[in-house]
Amino acid sequence: MSFEIDGLDETIETLEDLASKAEELDGDHQIPLDELFTESFMQQNSEFDSIEQFFEESPWEIDSQEDLEEVPQEDMDEYVDEHTVFPDTDEMTDNAGEEWVAKQLGLK
């Protein structure tokens, strides 16, 4: 007795496409903050509509990557904890990164 399964070719093609996209993501990437922290991500996980608003309403003047790097980590973690669903910047960045990867893979 044998069974015939339709659609395996399509499934295999989808998995091969997914594997190809995953290979492209291997390694380090420089992702613009507004691409990593999308409006949708910020609206779902914070009091803000965008990463720009998040920075504008912060107690610091953040106009560049250098400005951001000058903010003490502990202070930024406290700000994130108070204004987002995340306890610190690492959690916020990790979650945004997971969503970015899922989008790049076509899973979202």
N, C-alpha and C. Protein backbone atom coordinates (compact mmCIF):
# COMPACT_ATOMS: atom_id res chain seq x y z
N MET A 1 0.85 -1.16 0.00
CA MET A 1 0.00 0.00 0.00
C MET A 1 0.90 1.24 0.00
N SER A 2 0.53 2.25 -0.75
CA SER A 2 1.31 3.49 -0.78
C SER A 2 0.36 4.69 -0.78
N PHE A 3 0.91 5.80 -0.38
CA PHE A 3 0.14 7.05 -0.33
C PHE A 3 0.77 8.05 -1.27
N GLU A 4 -0.06 8.86 -1.87
CA GLU A 4 0.42 9.93 -2.72
C GLU A 4 0.14 11.25 -2.01
N ILE A 5 1.18 12.05 -1.89
CA ILE A 5 1.04 13.34 -1.22
C ILE A 5 1.27 14.43 -2.24
N ASP A 6 0.25 15.26 -2.43
CA ASP A 6 0.37 16.39 -3.34
C ASP A 6 0.96 17.59 -2.60
N GLY A 7 1.70 18.39 -3.31
CA GLY A 7 2.20 19.64 -2.75
C GLY A 7 3.59 19.58 -2.16
N LEU A 8 4.24 18.42 -2.18
CA LEU A 8 5.58 18.35 -1.62
C LEU A 8 6.58 19.18 -2.42
N ASP A 9 6.41 19.24 -3.73
CA ASP A 9 7.32 20.05 -4.55
C ASP A 9 7.25 21.51 -4.12
N GLU A 10 6.06 21.98 -3.88
CA GLU A 10 5.89 23.37 -3.45
C GLU A 10 6.50 23.59 -2.07
N THR A 11 6.32 22.63 -1.17
CA THR A 11 6.88 22.72 0.17
C THR A 11 8.40 22.72 0.12
N ILE A 12 8.97 21.86 -0.69
CA ILE A 12 10.42 21.80 -0.83
C ILE A 12 10.96 23.11 -1.40
N GLU A 13 10.27 23.66 -2.39
CA GLU A 13 10.69 24.94 -2.97
C GLU A 13 10.64 26.06 -1.92
N THR A 14 9.61 26.06 -1.11
CA THR A 14 9.48 27.06 -0.05
C THR A 14 10.61 26.92 0.97
N LEU A 15 10.93 25.69 1.35
CA LEU A 15 12.02 25.47 2.30
C LEU A 15 13.37 25.86 1.71
N GLU A 16 13.58 25.60 0.43
CA GLU A 16 14.83 25.99 -0.22
C GLU A 16 14.95 27.51 -0.28
N ASP A 17 13.83 28.19 -0.54
CA ASP A 17 13.83 29.65 -0.55
C ASP A 17 14.14 30.19 0.84
N LEU A 18 13.56 29.61 1.85
CA LEU A 18 13.81 30.00 3.23
C LEU A 18 15.29 29.79 3.59
N ALA A 19 15.85 28.68 3.19
CA ALA A 19 17.26 28.39 3.47
C ALA A 19 18.17 29.40 2.77
N SER A 20 17.82 29.77 1.55
CA SER A 20 18.60 30.76 0.81
C SER A 20 18.56 32.12 1.51
N LYS A 21 17.39 32.53 1.95
CA LYS A 21 17.24 33.81 2.66
C LYS A 21 18.02 33.77 3.98
N ALA A 22 18.01 32.63 4.66
CA ALA A 22 18.72 32.50 5.93
C ALA A 22 20.23 32.63 5.70
N GLU A 23 20.73 32.07 4.63
CA GLU A 23 22.15 32.20 4.30
C GLU A 23 22.53 33.65 4.08
N GLU A 24 21.66 34.42 3.43
CA GLU A 24 21.91 35.83 3.18
C GLU A 24 21.99 36.62 4.48
N LEU A 25 21.30 36.16 5.52
CA LEU A 25 21.29 36.86 6.80
C LEU A 25 22.46 36.50 7.70
N ASP A 26 23.21 35.46 7.31
CA ASP A 26 24.34 35.02 8.12
C ASP A 26 25.37 36.14 8.23
N GLY A 27 25.92 36.32 9.42
CA GLY A 27 26.93 37.34 9.62
C GLY A 27 26.38 38.58 10.28
N ASP A 28 27.19 39.63 10.30
CA ASP A 28 26.81 40.89 10.92
C ASP A 28 26.12 41.80 9.91
N HIS A 29 25.19 42.60 10.42
CA HIS A 29 24.45 43.53 9.56
C HIS A 29 24.33 44.88 10.27
N GLN A 30 24.42 45.94 9.50
CA GLN A 30 24.15 47.28 9.99
C GLN A 30 22.72 47.62 9.57
N ILE A 31 21.82 47.65 10.52
CA ILE A 31 20.40 47.89 10.23
C ILE A 31 20.04 49.28 10.75
N PRO A 32 19.52 50.13 9.88
CA PRO A 32 19.09 51.46 10.36
C PRO A 32 18.05 51.31 11.48
N LEU A 33 18.14 52.18 12.48
CA LEU A 33 17.25 52.08 13.64
C LEU A 33 15.78 52.10 13.26
N ASP A 34 15.41 52.92 12.26
CA ASP A 34 13.99 52.98 11.90
C ASP A 34 13.54 51.73 11.15
N GLU A 35 14.47 50.96 10.62
CA GLU A 35 14.13 49.69 9.99
C GLU A 35 14.05 48.57 11.04
N LEU A 36 14.90 48.67 12.05
CA LEU A 36 14.90 47.67 13.13
C LEU A 36 13.71 47.90 14.06
N PHE A 37 13.54 49.15 14.47
CA PHE A 37 12.43 49.52 15.36
C PHE A 37 11.34 50.17 14.51
N THR A 38 10.60 49.36 13.81
CA THR A 38 9.56 49.86 12.91
C THR A 38 8.47 50.57 13.70
N GLU A 39 7.67 51.36 12.98
CA GLU A 39 6.55 52.03 13.64
C GLU A 39 5.63 51.02 14.29
N SER A 40 5.37 49.94 13.58
CA SER A 40 4.50 48.89 14.12
C SER A 40 5.08 48.32 15.42
N PHE A 41 6.36 48.03 15.42
CA PHE A 41 7.02 47.51 16.62
C PHE A 41 6.91 48.50 17.77
N MET A 42 7.19 49.77 17.50
CA MET A 42 7.15 50.78 18.55
C MET A 42 5.73 50.98 19.07
N GLN A 43 4.75 50.99 18.19
CA GLN A 43 3.37 51.19 18.61
C GLN A 43 2.86 50.03 19.46
N GLN A 44 3.30 48.82 19.14
CA GLN A 44 2.85 47.64 19.88
C GLN A 44 3.57 47.47 21.22
N ASN A 45 4.79 48.02 21.32
CA ASN A 45 5.62 47.71 22.48
C ASN A 45 6.06 48.91 23.31
N SER A 46 5.57 50.09 22.98
CA SER A 46 5.99 51.27 23.73
C SER A 46 4.87 52.32 23.75
N GLU A 47 5.15 53.42 24.39
CA GLU A 47 4.22 54.55 24.44
C GLU A 47 4.35 55.44 23.20
N PHE A 48 5.22 55.08 22.31
CA PHE A 48 5.58 55.95 21.19
C PHE A 48 5.15 55.38 19.85
N ASP A 49 4.99 56.28 18.88
CA ASP A 49 4.60 55.88 17.53
C ASP A 49 5.79 55.52 16.65
N SER A 50 6.99 55.93 17.05
CA SER A 50 8.18 55.68 16.23
C SER A 50 9.42 55.75 17.11
N ILE A 51 10.52 55.24 16.58
CA ILE A 51 11.79 55.33 17.30
C ILE A 51 12.23 56.78 17.39
N GLU A 52 11.86 57.58 16.39
CA GLU A 52 12.20 59.00 16.43
C GLU A 52 11.51 59.68 17.61
N GLN A 53 10.23 59.38 17.82
CA GLN A 53 9.50 59.96 18.95
C GLN A 53 10.09 59.45 20.27
N PHE A 54 10.46 58.21 20.31
CA PHE A 54 11.10 57.62 21.49
C PHE A 54 12.32 58.45 21.89
N PHE A 55 13.15 58.81 20.91
CA PHE A 55 14.34 59.61 21.20
C PHE A 55 13.99 61.07 21.48
N GLU A 56 13.06 61.62 20.72
CA GLU A 56 12.67 63.03 20.91
C GLU A 56 12.14 63.29 22.31
N GLU A 57 11.40 62.35 22.86
CA GLU A 57 10.80 62.54 24.18
C GLU A 57 11.69 62.05 25.32
N SER A 58 12.86 61.56 24.98
CA SER A 58 13.79 61.13 26.01
C SER A 58 14.43 62.35 26.67
N PRO A 59 15.04 62.16 27.81
CA PRO A 59 15.68 63.29 28.48
C PRO A 59 17.02 63.71 27.84
N TRP A 60 17.40 63.04 26.78
CA TRP A 60 18.68 63.33 26.11
C TRP A 60 18.44 63.89 24.73
N GLU A 61 19.40 64.63 24.24
CA GLU A 61 19.35 65.09 22.86
C GLU A 61 20.10 64.06 22.02
N ILE A 62 19.34 63.27 21.25
CA ILE A 62 19.93 62.20 20.46
C ILE A 62 19.67 62.50 18.99
N ASP A 63 20.71 62.98 18.33
CA ASP A 63 20.62 63.31 16.91
C ASP A 63 21.53 62.45 16.06
N SER A 64 22.33 61.60 16.70
CA SER A 64 23.28 60.78 15.96
C SER A 64 23.60 59.52 16.75
N GLN A 65 24.27 58.60 16.10
CA GLN A 65 24.71 57.37 16.76
C GLN A 65 25.66 57.71 17.91
N GLU A 66 26.48 58.72 17.70
CA GLU A 66 27.42 59.13 18.75
C GLU A 66 26.68 59.63 19.99
N ASP A 67 25.62 60.43 19.77
CA ASP A 67 24.80 60.91 20.89
C ASP A 67 24.22 59.73 21.66
N LEU A 68 23.72 58.77 20.93
CA LEU A 68 23.12 57.59 21.56
C LEU A 68 24.15 56.82 22.38
N GLU A 69 25.35 56.69 21.86
CA GLU A 69 26.40 55.95 22.56
C GLU A 69 26.87 56.66 23.82
N GLU A 70 26.64 57.96 23.91
CA GLU A 70 27.05 58.72 25.09
C GLU A 70 26.08 58.59 26.26
N VAL A 71 24.88 58.11 26.00
CA VAL A 71 23.90 57.93 27.08
C VAL A 71 24.33 56.73 27.92
N PRO A 72 24.46 56.91 29.23
CA PRO A 72 24.83 55.77 30.08
C PRO A 72 23.83 54.62 29.93
N GLN A 73 24.35 53.42 29.78
CA GLN A 73 23.52 52.23 29.56
C GLN A 73 22.46 52.08 30.64
N GLU A 74 22.84 52.28 31.87
CA GLU A 74 21.89 52.14 32.99
C GLU A 74 20.72 53.12 32.85
N ASP A 75 21.03 54.34 32.43
CA ASP A 75 19.97 55.35 32.26
C ASP A 75 19.04 54.98 31.10
N MET A 76 19.62 54.51 30.00
CA MET A 76 18.79 54.11 28.86
C MET A 76 17.94 52.90 29.22
N ASP A 77 18.51 51.95 29.96
CA ASP A 77 17.74 50.79 30.40
C ASP A 77 16.55 51.22 31.25
N GLU A 78 16.75 52.18 32.12
CA GLU A 78 15.67 52.68 32.97
C GLU A 78 14.58 53.34 32.12
N TYR A 79 14.99 54.12 31.13
CA TYR A 79 14.04 54.78 30.23
C TYR A 79 13.23 53.75 29.45
N VAL A 80 13.91 52.72 28.94
CA VAL A 80 13.23 51.64 28.21
C VAL A 80 12.25 50.94 29.14
N ASP A 81 12.67 50.64 30.35
CA ASP A 81 11.81 49.95 31.31
C ASP A 81 10.55 50.76 31.63
N GLU A 82 10.69 52.08 31.72
CA GLU A 82 9.57 52.93 32.07
C GLU A 82 8.59 53.18 30.91
N HIS A 83 9.08 53.10 29.67
CA HIS A 83 8.26 53.53 28.54
C HIS A 83 7.98 52.45 27.48
N THR A 84 8.45 51.25 27.74
CA THR A 84 8.19 50.14 26.82
C THR A 84 7.78 48.91 27.62
N VAL A 85 7.47 47.84 26.93
CA VAL A 85 7.13 46.59 27.60
C VAL A 85 8.38 45.79 27.98
N PHE A 86 9.55 46.33 27.65
CA PHE A 86 10.80 45.61 27.89
C PHE A 86 11.51 46.13 29.13
N PRO A 87 12.23 45.24 29.82
CA PRO A 87 12.93 45.67 31.03
C PRO A 87 14.23 46.43 30.76
N ASP A 88 14.79 46.28 29.55
CA ASP A 88 16.03 46.97 29.24
C ASP A 88 16.26 47.01 27.73
N THR A 89 17.30 47.72 27.33
CA THR A 89 17.58 47.90 25.90
C THR A 89 17.94 46.59 25.21
N ASP A 90 18.61 45.69 25.92
CA ASP A 90 18.96 44.40 25.30
C ASP A 90 17.72 43.62 24.89
N GLU A 91 16.74 43.55 25.80
CA GLU A 91 15.49 42.85 25.48
C GLU A 91 14.76 43.51 24.32
N MET A 92 14.73 44.83 24.34
CA MET A 92 14.04 45.57 23.27
C MET A 92 14.72 45.32 21.93
N THR A 93 16.04 45.41 21.92
CA THR A 93 16.80 45.20 20.68
C THR A 93 16.69 43.75 20.21
N ASP A 94 16.77 42.80 21.12
CA ASP A 94 16.65 41.39 20.74
C ASP A 94 15.29 41.10 20.10
N ASN A 95 14.23 41.63 20.70
CA ASN A 95 12.89 41.40 20.15
C ASN A 95 12.71 42.06 18.80
N ALA A 96 13.21 43.28 18.66
CA ALA A 96 13.14 43.96 17.36
C ALA A 96 13.95 43.19 16.32
N GLY A 97 15.09 42.67 16.73
CA GLY A 97 15.92 41.88 15.81
C GLY A 97 15.23 40.61 15.36
N GLU A 98 14.55 39.94 16.27
CA GLU A 98 13.82 38.72 15.92
C GLU A 98 12.72 39.04 14.91
N GLU A 99 12.02 40.15 15.12
CA GLU A 99 10.97 40.54 14.17
C GLU A 99 11.57 40.89 12.81
N TRP A 100 12.72 41.58 12.81
CA TRP A 100 13.38 41.96 11.57
C TRP A 100 13.79 40.71 10.79
N VAL A 101 14.38 39.74 11.47
CA VAL A 101 14.80 38.49 10.82
C VAL A 101 13.58 37.76 10.26
N ALA A 102 12.51 37.66 11.03
CA ALA A 102 11.30 36.98 10.56
C ALA A 102 10.77 37.66 9.29
N LYS A 103 10.81 38.98 9.27
CA LYS A 103 10.35 39.73 8.09
C LYS A 103 11.26 39.44 6.90
N GLN A 104 12.57 39.43 7.12
CA GLN A 104 13.52 39.17 6.05
C GLN A 104 13.35 37.76 5.47
N LEU A 105 12.97 36.83 6.33
CA LEU A 105 12.77 35.45 5.89
C LEU A 105 11.39 35.24 5.26
N GLY A 106 10.56 36.26 5.33
CA GLY A 106 9.22 36.14 4.77
C GLY A 106 8.26 35.41 5.67
N LEU A 107 8.58 35.34 6.94
CA LEU A 107 7.73 34.65 7.91
C LEU A 107 6.72 35.59 8.55
N LYS A 108 6.87 36.86 8.28
CA LYS A 108 5.99 37.85 8.88
C LYS A 108 5.48 38.80 7.85
